[in-house]
Each structure stands twice: as structure tokens, then as C-alpha cells.
């Protein structure tokens, strides 16, 4: 929504109104109230705890190359790939423009430079390079055209729901076992969340053993949401790892 002029205007209006409300609240002294002070202190405590946990987990969550190699050796079936190709493309909305670009390519124009100048997707900045991909990772019509090309060959105009593409095949590799070096980072990303959780649990256990504390039932019952049925064993959450990268499809 914010990509449109109307959406941007609405977003800016919301920001302005929020600032006006903030100014009025300050005039009324709300920012100096005990309620706000208590909330700010609570937020500060949470941020400090989260920062400490993140620091400790990151310090102790290193995974050795030996561990990565061991996982690879024990799970080689997971790292087999089908036929893959490497391709670049130029994507435009207008078919007439696509025809003009195709004409320039046939006349000897640089695919990379024309992609940088005309392509409307993020790959354009890289000369249209889409990297390596297997069947099933792209739109069917795009995939069909790309896999039918010979290495170094450029397609005609291919229409998809995104617009009009011109595709150039830049590499091919047959199905087979992917090398450890190729999947090393992928393995690490897969193992890291489990390792982080192990470190986090160890840290909690160590803190429990080294600290003396008691939980008073009368205080517990006075806490919001801590009466009958409350989860008395709820612990701070482990720092979350980054979400997986979106698929190309």
C-alpha cells in the first residue's frame, strides 16, 4: 500500500497525527506520569535482558567446521541436486520496450548493461543475474523458456504475470552431489537455531544453580494474569535467529 502515492500520503499523515498527539500529551504532563515511568523502566529491563542473552548466545554458539563436515557426511542424501541452470534476465512491463531491447541485443548490445539500464527487478543491478536454480523454483513459463536454451543463448520475449522477460542462459550443471564448500553456509544456518537453544538452556540452568531465590505465592497472585491457571514456569525466550530467505518463485 505504501508503494503508491496514496499509500505514502496516508503513512505520512499517520506519522504527523502521532507527533501531534505526542506534543499534546507532553503539554498535559503525561510523559512525566508514574504510569509512563513504570512502563519505560519495564521496557528498559526487557531490552537489557534481551541484549545480555543475545550476547551470551552469540558468544557460545560457534559451530566448528568439523561439526559442519560431520553433518554433511552423515546427511549426504540431503545435498543432492537436480539439473540446474544459471541465467540472467531483463524484465520490463511494456512489450514494445522489450522488443526494442531485444533488437539492441541482436545488434550486439551488452545484455548486462541493458539489464542494468532497463530491468525493473532487483536483479537488474547485477546485470540481470538470477544465480543458479533448479526446476520448480521459477514461474512455469519462465522456467520452460530458460531450460530450453543452450549455454550463451538468449531467448525471445517471454510473458509472465510480472511482465515481459528476455532470458540469457549463462551456465548449466548436471544433477549430482553438491560439494561441502557449496552447502557449508546452508548447513550452518540450519544447525544454528538448535545450537542457540542449547546454549540458552545451559545459561538458564547455570543461573538457577548459582542464584538463590524464592517465589512468594501471595506476590504471584497479585501480578496481572498470574492467578489460577498462570504459567509460573514461563521463561525469557531465546534470541530468535533470522528468518529463512524467501523462495525465488
C-alpha atoms as a PDB file:
ATOM      1  CA  UNK A   1       0.000   0.000   0.000  1.00  0.00           C
ATOM      2  CA  UNK A   2       2.807   2.394   0.912  1.00  0.00           C
ATOM      3  CA  UNK A   3       4.266   1.905  -2.590  1.00  0.00           C
ATOM      4  CA  UNK A   4       1.508   4.064  -4.103  1.00  0.00           C
ATOM      5  CA  UNK A   5       1.323   7.852  -3.811  1.00  0.00           C
ATOM      6  CA  UNK A   6      -1.923   7.491  -1.848  1.00  0.00           C
ATOM      7  CA  UNK A   7      -0.348   4.960   0.496  1.00  0.00           C
ATOM      8  CA  UNK A   8       2.683   7.161   1.135  1.00  0.00           C
ATOM      9  CA  UNK A   9       0.423  10.130   1.863  1.00  0.00           C
ATOM     10  CA  UNK A  10      -1.615   8.087   4.333  1.00  0.00           C
ATOM     11  CA  UNK A  11       1.553   6.879   6.066  1.00  0.00           C
ATOM     12  CA  UNK A  12       2.883  10.437   6.407  1.00  0.00           C
ATOM     13  CA  UNK A  13      -0.460  11.673   7.760  1.00  0.00           C
ATOM     14  CA  UNK A  14      -0.402   8.917  10.380  1.00  0.00           C
ATOM     15  CA  UNK A  15       3.121   9.955  11.431  1.00  0.00           C
ATOM     16  CA  UNK A  16       2.095  13.627  11.666  1.00  0.00           C
ATOM     17  CA  UNK A  17      -1.018  12.849  13.728  1.00  0.00           C
ATOM     18  CA  UNK A  18       1.033  10.650  16.077  1.00  0.00           C
ATOM     19  CA  UNK A  19       3.515  13.503  16.573  1.00  0.00           C
ATOM     20  CA  UNK A  20       0.684  15.978  17.260  1.00  0.00           C
ATOM     21  CA  UNK A  21      -0.800  13.620  19.861  1.00  0.00           C
ATOM     22  CA  UNK A  22       2.641  13.249  21.458  1.00  0.00           C
ATOM     23  CA  UNK A  23       3.046  17.020  21.714  1.00  0.00           C
ATOM     24  CA  UNK A  24      -0.390  17.370  23.310  1.00  0.00           C
ATOM     25  CA  UNK A  25       0.368  14.553  25.761  1.00  0.00           C
ATOM     26  CA  UNK A  26       3.573  16.316  26.823  1.00  0.00           C
ATOM     27  CA  UNK A  27       1.633  19.552  27.394  1.00  0.00           C
ATOM     28  CA  UNK A  28      -0.681  17.618  29.700  1.00  0.00           C
ATOM     29  CA  UNK A  29       2.296  16.127  31.562  1.00  0.00           C
ATOM     30  CA  UNK A  30       1.519  12.544  30.581  1.00  0.00           C
ATOM     31  CA  UNK A  31       5.172  11.877  29.739  1.00  0.00           C
ATOM     32  CA  UNK A  32       6.095  12.597  33.384  1.00  0.00           C
ATOM     33  CA  UNK A  33       3.395  10.383  34.909  1.00  0.00           C
ATOM     34  CA  UNK A  34       4.264   7.411  37.108  1.00  0.00           C
ATOM     35  CA  UNK A  35       2.484   5.064  34.700  1.00  0.00           C
ATOM     36  CA  UNK A  36       4.772   6.066  31.828  1.00  0.00           C
ATOM     37  CA  UNK A  37       7.840   5.918  34.094  1.00  0.00           C
ATOM     38  CA  UNK A  38       6.956   2.380  35.192  1.00  0.00           C
ATOM     39  CA  UNK A  39       6.379   1.253  31.610  1.00  0.00           C
ATOM     40  CA  UNK A  40       9.686   2.765  30.467  1.00  0.00           C
ATOM     41  CA  UNK A  41      11.545   1.032  33.296  1.00  0.00           C
ATOM     42  CA  UNK A  42       9.918  -2.276  32.360  1.00  0.00           C
ATOM     43  CA  UNK A  43      10.890  -1.819  28.690  1.00  0.00           C
ATOM     44  CA  UNK A  44      14.454  -0.936  29.726  1.00  0.00           C
ATOM     45  CA  UNK A  45      14.752  -4.101  31.830  1.00  0.00           C
ATOM     46  CA  UNK A  46      13.482  -6.257  28.983  1.00  0.00           C
ATOM     47  CA  UNK A  47      15.909  -4.701  26.498  1.00  0.00           C
ATOM     48  CA  UNK A  48      18.843  -5.224  28.878  1.00  0.00           C
ATOM     49  CA  UNK A  49      17.869  -8.877  29.428  1.00  0.00           C
ATOM     50  CA  UNK A  50      17.442  -9.483  25.683  1.00  0.00           C
ATOM     51  CA  UNK A  51      20.784  -7.815  24.884  1.00  0.00           C
ATOM     52  CA  UNK A  52      22.565  -9.918  27.540  1.00  0.00           C
ATOM     53  CA  UNK A  53      21.024 -13.153  26.297  1.00  0.00           C
ATOM     54  CA  UNK A  54      21.818 -12.292  22.679  1.00  0.00           C
ATOM     55  CA  UNK A  55      25.450 -11.544  23.579  1.00  0.00           C
ATOM     56  CA  UNK A  56      25.913 -14.773  25.545  1.00  0.00           C
ATOM     57  CA  UNK A  57      24.205 -16.947  22.959  1.00  0.00           C
ATOM     58  CA  UNK A  58      26.248 -15.457  20.103  1.00  0.00           C
ATOM     59  CA  UNK A  59      29.500 -15.888  22.066  1.00  0.00           C
ATOM     60  CA  UNK A  60      28.879 -19.564  22.749  1.00  0.00           C
ATOM     61  CA  UNK A  61      27.064 -20.664  19.606  1.00  0.00           C
ATOM     62  CA  UNK A  62      30.036 -21.187  17.334  1.00  0.00           C
ATOM     63  CA  UNK A  63      29.784 -24.322  15.204  1.00  0.00           C
ATOM     64  CA  UNK A  64      33.132 -25.768  14.156  1.00  0.00           C
ATOM     65  CA  UNK A  65      33.981 -26.756  10.592  1.00  0.00           C
ATOM     66  CA  UNK A  66      34.407 -30.302  11.909  1.00  0.00           C
ATOM     67  CA  UNK A  67      30.783 -30.312  13.124  1.00  0.00           C
ATOM     68  CA  UNK A  68      29.598 -28.997   9.765  1.00  0.00           C
ATOM     69  CA  UNK A  69      31.619 -31.611   7.882  1.00  0.00           C
ATOM     70  CA  UNK A  70      30.265 -34.368  10.158  1.00  0.00           C
ATOM     71  CA  UNK A  71      26.673 -33.311   9.479  1.00  0.00           C
ATOM     72  CA  UNK A  72      27.382 -33.206   5.740  1.00  0.00           C
ATOM     73  CA  UNK A  73      28.962 -36.685   5.744  1.00  0.00           C
ATOM     74  CA  UNK A  74      26.033 -38.159   7.690  1.00  0.00           C
ATOM     75  CA  UNK A  75      23.355 -36.499   5.541  1.00  0.00           C
ATOM     76  CA  UNK A  76      24.713 -36.524   2.001  1.00  0.00           C
ATOM     77  CA  UNK A  77      21.337 -37.523   0.559  1.00  0.00           C
ATOM     78  CA  UNK A  78      20.001 -34.136   1.642  1.00  0.00           C
ATOM     79  CA  UNK A  79      22.544 -32.359  -0.526  1.00  0.00           C
ATOM     80  CA  UNK A  80      21.853 -33.858  -3.922  1.00  0.00           C
ATOM     81  CA  UNK A  81      20.529 -31.571  -6.613  1.00  0.00           C
ATOM     82  CA  UNK A  82      18.699 -31.992  -9.883  1.00  0.00           C
ATOM     83  CA  UNK A  83      19.786 -30.345 -13.119  1.00  0.00           C
ATOM     84  CA  UNK A  84      20.496 -26.668 -12.515  1.00  0.00           C
ATOM     85  CA  UNK A  85      20.975 -23.663 -14.732  1.00  0.00           C
ATOM     86  CA  UNK A  86      22.319 -20.177 -14.223  1.00  0.00           C
ATOM     87  CA  UNK A  87      20.506 -17.402 -16.031  1.00  0.00           C
ATOM     88  CA  UNK A  88      20.137 -13.656 -16.318  1.00  0.00           C
ATOM     89  CA  UNK A  89      17.053 -11.767 -17.426  1.00  0.00           C
ATOM     90  CA  UNK A  90      15.722  -8.362 -18.320  1.00  0.00           C
ATOM     91  CA  UNK A  91      12.203  -7.655 -17.047  1.00  0.00           C
ATOM     92  CA  UNK A  92      10.034  -4.780 -18.295  1.00  0.00           C
ATOM     93  CA  UNK A  93       6.313  -4.012 -18.135  1.00  0.00           C
ATOM     94  CA  UNK A  94       5.912  -2.816 -21.718  1.00  0.00           C
ATOM     95  CA  UNK A  95       6.115  -5.300 -24.608  1.00  0.00           C
ATOM     96  CA  UNK A  96       7.181  -2.575 -27.037  1.00  0.00           C
ATOM     97  CA  UNK A  97      10.164  -1.740 -24.825  1.00  0.00           C
ATOM     98  CA  UNK A  98      11.011  -5.449 -24.631  1.00  0.00           C
ATOM     99  CA  UNK A  99      11.046  -5.581 -28.448  1.00  0.00           C
ATOM    100  CA  UNK A 100      13.385  -2.575 -28.588  1.00  0.00           C
ATOM    101  CA  UNK A 101      15.777  -4.160 -26.080  1.00  0.00           C
ATOM    102  CA  UNK A 102      15.711  -7.457 -27.968  1.00  0.00           C
ATOM    103  CA  UNK A 103      16.638  -5.576 -31.132  1.00  0.00           C
ATOM    104  CA  UNK A 104      19.601  -3.943 -29.380  1.00  0.00           C
ATOM    105  CA  UNK A 105      20.772  -7.346 -28.135  1.00  0.00           C
ATOM    106  CA  UNK A 106      20.605  -8.798 -31.649  1.00  0.00           C
ATOM    107  CA  UNK A 107      22.646  -5.836 -32.845  1.00  0.00           C
ATOM    108  CA  UNK A 108      25.404  -6.722 -30.377  1.00  0.00           C
ATOM    109  CA  UNK A 109      24.333  -4.756 -27.305  1.00  0.00           C
ATOM    110  CA  UNK A 110      25.568  -5.803 -23.850  1.00  0.00           C
ATOM    111  CA  UNK A 111      22.979  -7.895 -22.003  1.00  0.00           C
ATOM    112  CA  UNK A 112      24.415  -6.836 -18.648  1.00  0.00           C
ATOM    113  CA  UNK A 113      24.326  -3.113 -19.433  1.00  0.00           C
ATOM    114  CA  UNK A 114      20.827  -3.265 -20.921  1.00  0.00           C
ATOM    115  CA  UNK A 115      19.629  -5.132 -17.825  1.00  0.00           C
ATOM    116  CA  UNK A 116      21.130  -2.513 -15.510  1.00  0.00           C
ATOM    117  CA  UNK A 117      19.518   0.271 -17.514  1.00  0.00           C
ATOM    118  CA  UNK A 118      16.070  -1.230 -18.122  1.00  0.00           C
ATOM    119  CA  UNK A 119      15.227  -4.196 -15.876  1.00  0.00           C
ATOM    120  CA  UNK A 120      12.643  -3.366 -13.224  1.00  0.00           C
ATOM    121  CA  UNK A 121      13.524  -6.044 -10.671  1.00  0.00           C
ATOM    122  CA  UNK A 122      16.359  -6.204  -8.116  1.00  0.00           C
ATOM    123  CA  UNK A 123      18.467  -8.487 -10.342  1.00  0.00           C
ATOM    124  CA  UNK A 124      18.847  -5.605 -12.782  1.00  0.00           C
ATOM    125  CA  UNK A 125      21.508  -4.016 -10.564  1.00  0.00           C
ATOM    126  CA  UNK A 126      23.570  -7.197 -11.024  1.00  0.00           C
ATOM    127  CA  UNK A 127      23.218  -7.199 -14.779  1.00  0.00           C
ATOM    128  CA  UNK A 128      20.108  -9.383 -14.544  1.00  0.00           C
ATOM    129  CA  UNK A 129      21.929 -12.282 -12.824  1.00  0.00           C
ATOM    130  CA  UNK A 130      19.500 -14.692 -11.113  1.00  0.00           C
ATOM    131  CA  UNK A 131      22.120 -17.181  -9.965  1.00  0.00           C
ATOM    132  CA  UNK A 132      21.677 -20.964 -10.071  1.00  0.00           C
ATOM    133  CA  UNK A 133      18.245 -22.572  -9.796  1.00  0.00           C
ATOM    134  CA  UNK A 134      16.525 -25.924 -10.301  1.00  0.00           C
ATOM    135  CA  UNK A 135      13.206 -26.803 -11.890  1.00  0.00           C
ATOM    136  CA  UNK A 136      10.267 -25.827  -9.730  1.00  0.00           C
ATOM    137  CA  UNK A 137      11.785 -22.626  -8.367  1.00  0.00           C
ATOM    138  CA  UNK A 138      10.587 -20.212 -11.075  1.00  0.00           C
ATOM    139  CA  UNK A 139       7.295 -19.488 -12.825  1.00  0.00           C
ATOM    140  CA  UNK A 140       6.435 -22.316 -15.285  1.00  0.00           C
ATOM    141  CA  UNK A 141       6.534 -20.201 -18.445  1.00  0.00           C
ATOM    142  CA  UNK A 142       9.827 -18.582 -17.437  1.00  0.00           C
ATOM    143  CA  UNK A 143      11.325 -21.933 -16.447  1.00  0.00           C
ATOM    144  CA  UNK A 144      10.273 -23.648 -19.670  1.00  0.00           C
ATOM    145  CA  UNK A 145      11.966 -20.984 -21.782  1.00  0.00           C
ATOM    146  CA  UNK A 146      15.113 -20.854 -19.633  1.00  0.00           C
ATOM    147  CA  UNK A 147      15.712 -24.621 -19.545  1.00  0.00           C
ATOM    148  CA  UNK A 148      15.240 -24.899 -23.313  1.00  0.00           C
ATOM    149  CA  UNK A 149      18.141 -22.534 -24.043  1.00  0.00           C
ATOM    150  CA  UNK A 150      21.704 -23.516 -24.846  1.00  0.00           C
ATOM    151  CA  UNK A 151      24.505 -22.014 -22.793  1.00  0.00           C
ATOM    152  CA  UNK A 152      25.181 -18.470 -24.000  1.00  0.00           C
ATOM    153  CA  UNK A 153      21.870 -18.306 -25.908  1.00  0.00           C
ATOM    154  CA  UNK A 154      19.296 -15.539 -25.445  1.00  0.00           C
ATOM    155  CA  UNK A 155      15.543 -16.127 -25.593  1.00  0.00           C
ATOM    156  CA  UNK A 156      12.854 -14.187 -27.355  1.00  0.00           C
ATOM    157  CA  UNK A 157      10.257 -12.333 -25.291  1.00  0.00           C
ATOM    158  CA  UNK A 158       8.687 -14.433 -22.525  1.00  0.00           C
ATOM    159  CA  UNK A 159       5.481 -13.177 -20.923  1.00  0.00           C
ATOM    160  CA  UNK A 160       4.632 -13.895 -17.255  1.00  0.00           C
ATOM    161  CA  UNK A 161       2.378 -12.258 -14.680  1.00  0.00           C
ATOM    162  CA  UNK A 162       5.283  -9.946 -13.794  1.00  0.00           C
ATOM    163  CA  UNK A 163       5.759  -8.579 -17.301  1.00  0.00           C
ATOM    164  CA  UNK A 164       7.965  -9.327 -20.307  1.00  0.00           C
ATOM    165  CA  UNK A 165      11.283 -11.134 -19.876  1.00  0.00           C
ATOM    166  CA  UNK A 166      14.325 -11.640 -22.067  1.00  0.00           C
ATOM    167  CA  UNK A 167      16.409 -14.518 -20.712  1.00  0.00           C
ATOM    168  CA  UNK A 168      20.061 -15.396 -21.232  1.00  0.00           C
ATOM    169  CA  UNK A 169      21.430 -18.783 -20.166  1.00  0.00           C
ATOM    170  CA  UNK A 170      24.892 -18.369 -18.627  1.00  0.00           C
ATOM    171  CA  UNK A 171      25.570 -21.818 -17.164  1.00  0.00           C
ATOM    172  CA  UNK A 172      24.448 -25.443 -16.841  1.00  0.00           C
ATOM    173  CA  UNK A 173      25.322 -28.208 -14.410  1.00  0.00           C
ATOM    174  CA  UNK A 174      24.073 -31.768 -14.259  1.00  0.00           C
ATOM    175  CA  UNK A 175      22.352 -33.423 -11.301  1.00  0.00           C
ATOM    176  CA  UNK A 176      24.659 -34.767  -8.629  1.00  0.00           C
ATOM    177  CA  UNK A 177      26.121 -34.424  -5.162  1.00  0.00           C
ATOM    178  CA  UNK A 178      26.630 -30.831  -4.062  1.00  0.00           C
ATOM    179  CA  UNK A 179      30.116 -30.182  -2.676  1.00  0.00           C
ATOM    180  CA  UNK A 180      30.598 -29.461   1.034  1.00  0.00           C
ATOM    181  CA  UNK A 181      32.007 -25.998   0.297  1.00  0.00           C
ATOM    182  CA  UNK A 182      28.865 -25.163  -1.662  1.00  0.00           C
ATOM    183  CA  UNK A 183      26.455 -26.069   1.160  1.00  0.00           C
ATOM    184  CA  UNK A 184      28.587 -25.221   4.195  1.00  0.00           C
ATOM    185  CA  UNK A 185      26.778 -21.945   4.955  1.00  0.00           C
ATOM    186  CA  UNK A 186      23.413 -23.629   4.409  1.00  0.00           C
ATOM    187  CA  UNK A 187      24.276 -26.340   6.966  1.00  0.00           C
ATOM    188  CA  UNK A 188      25.431 -23.752   9.487  1.00  0.00           C
ATOM    189  CA  UNK A 189      22.197 -21.778   9.124  1.00  0.00           C
ATOM    190  CA  UNK A 190      20.201 -24.976   9.697  1.00  0.00           C
ATOM    191  CA  UNK A 191      22.160 -26.041  12.795  1.00  0.00           C
ATOM    192  CA  UNK A 192      22.474 -22.621  14.426  1.00  0.00           C
ATOM    193  CA  UNK A 193      18.947 -22.331  15.940  1.00  0.00           C
ATOM    194  CA  UNK A 194      19.324 -25.687  17.730  1.00  0.00           C
ATOM    195  CA  UNK A 195      22.792 -24.724  18.969  1.00  0.00           C
ATOM    196  CA  UNK A 196      21.484 -21.377  20.210  1.00  0.00           C
ATOM    197  CA  UNK A 197      18.658 -23.084  22.092  1.00  0.00           C
ATOM    198  CA  UNK A 198      21.143 -25.470  23.747  1.00  0.00           C
ATOM    199  CA  UNK A 199      23.342 -22.560  24.854  1.00  0.00           C
ATOM    200  CA  UNK A 200      20.310 -20.641  26.109  1.00  0.00           C
ATOM    201  CA  UNK A 201      19.093 -23.613  28.158  1.00  0.00           C
ATOM    202  CA  UNK A 202      22.577 -24.133  29.620  1.00  0.00           C
ATOM    203  CA  UNK A 203      22.748 -20.462  30.597  1.00  0.00           C
ATOM    204  CA  UNK A 204      19.369 -20.663  32.363  1.00  0.00           C
ATOM    205  CA  UNK A 205      20.421 -23.800  34.249  1.00  0.00           C
ATOM    206  CA  UNK A 206      23.690 -22.185  35.369  1.00  0.00           C
ATOM    207  CA  UNK A 207      21.892 -19.065  36.593  1.00  0.00           C
ATOM    208  CA  UNK A 208      19.387 -21.164  38.547  1.00  0.00           C
ATOM    209  CA  UNK A 209      22.177 -23.113  40.253  1.00  0.00           C
ATOM    210  CA  UNK A 210      24.262 -20.051  41.121  1.00  0.00           C
ATOM    211  CA  UNK A 211      21.365 -17.925  42.397  1.00  0.00           C
ATOM    212  CA  UNK A 212      19.108 -18.255  45.418  1.00  0.00           C
ATOM    213  CA  UNK A 213      15.544 -17.087  45.049  1.00  0.00           C
ATOM    214  CA  UNK A 214      12.041 -17.927  46.211  1.00  0.00           C
ATOM    215  CA  UNK A 215       8.704 -17.198  44.584  1.00  0.00           C
ATOM    216  CA  UNK A 216       6.100 -15.993  47.067  1.00  0.00           C
ATOM    217  CA  UNK A 217       2.607 -17.156  46.208  1.00  0.00           C
ATOM    218  CA  UNK A 218       0.934 -14.018  47.608  1.00  0.00           C
ATOM    219  CA  UNK A 219       3.054 -11.790  45.339  1.00  0.00           C
ATOM    220  CA  UNK A 220       2.463 -14.088  42.392  1.00  0.00           C
ATOM    221  CA  UNK A 221      -1.314 -13.820  42.775  1.00  0.00           C
ATOM    222  CA  UNK A 222      -1.157 -10.019  42.814  1.00  0.00           C
ATOM    223  CA  UNK A 223       0.594  -9.917  39.461  1.00  0.00           C
ATOM    224  CA  UNK A 224      -1.570  -9.253  36.391  1.00  0.00           C
ATOM    225  CA  UNK A 225      -2.517 -12.540  34.755  1.00  0.00           C
ATOM    226  CA  UNK A 226      -0.721 -14.584  37.454  1.00  0.00           C
ATOM    227  CA  UNK A 227      -3.645 -16.070  39.324  1.00  0.00           C
ATOM    228  CA  UNK A 228      -5.053 -19.554  38.888  1.00  0.00           C
ATOM    229  CA  UNK A 229      -4.020 -21.072  35.579  1.00  0.00           C
ATOM    230  CA  UNK A 230      -0.988 -18.809  35.113  1.00  0.00           C
ATOM    231  CA  UNK A 231       2.187 -20.287  33.691  1.00  0.00           C
ATOM    232  CA  UNK A 232       4.522 -19.961  36.682  1.00  0.00           C
ATOM    233  CA  UNK A 233       7.417 -21.563  34.836  1.00  0.00           C
ATOM    234  CA  UNK A 234       7.420 -19.192  31.870  1.00  0.00           C
ATOM    235  CA  UNK A 235      10.986 -18.152  30.986  1.00  0.00           C
ATOM    236  CA  UNK A 236      12.503 -15.428  28.801  1.00  0.00           C
ATOM    237  CA  UNK A 237      12.610 -16.507  25.177  1.00  0.00           C
ATOM    238  CA  UNK A 238      15.879 -17.319  23.462  1.00  0.00           C
ATOM    239  CA  UNK A 239      17.052 -14.740  20.913  1.00  0.00           C
ATOM    240  CA  UNK A 240      15.470 -15.569  17.568  1.00  0.00           C
ATOM    241  CA  UNK A 241      17.576 -16.249  14.505  1.00  0.00           C
ATOM    242  CA  UNK A 242      16.933 -14.604  11.142  1.00  0.00           C
ATOM    243  CA  UNK A 243      14.003 -15.871   9.094  1.00  0.00           C
ATOM    244  CA  UNK A 244      14.701 -18.026   6.074  1.00  0.00           C
ATOM    245  CA  UNK A 245      15.209 -16.314   2.785  1.00  0.00           C
ATOM    246  CA  UNK A 246      12.128 -16.240   0.534  1.00  0.00           C
ATOM    247  CA  UNK A 247      11.996 -18.610  -2.424  1.00  0.00           C
ATOM    248  CA  UNK A 248      12.536 -17.210  -5.901  1.00  0.00           C
ATOM    249  CA  UNK A 249       9.186 -18.471  -7.124  1.00  0.00           C
END
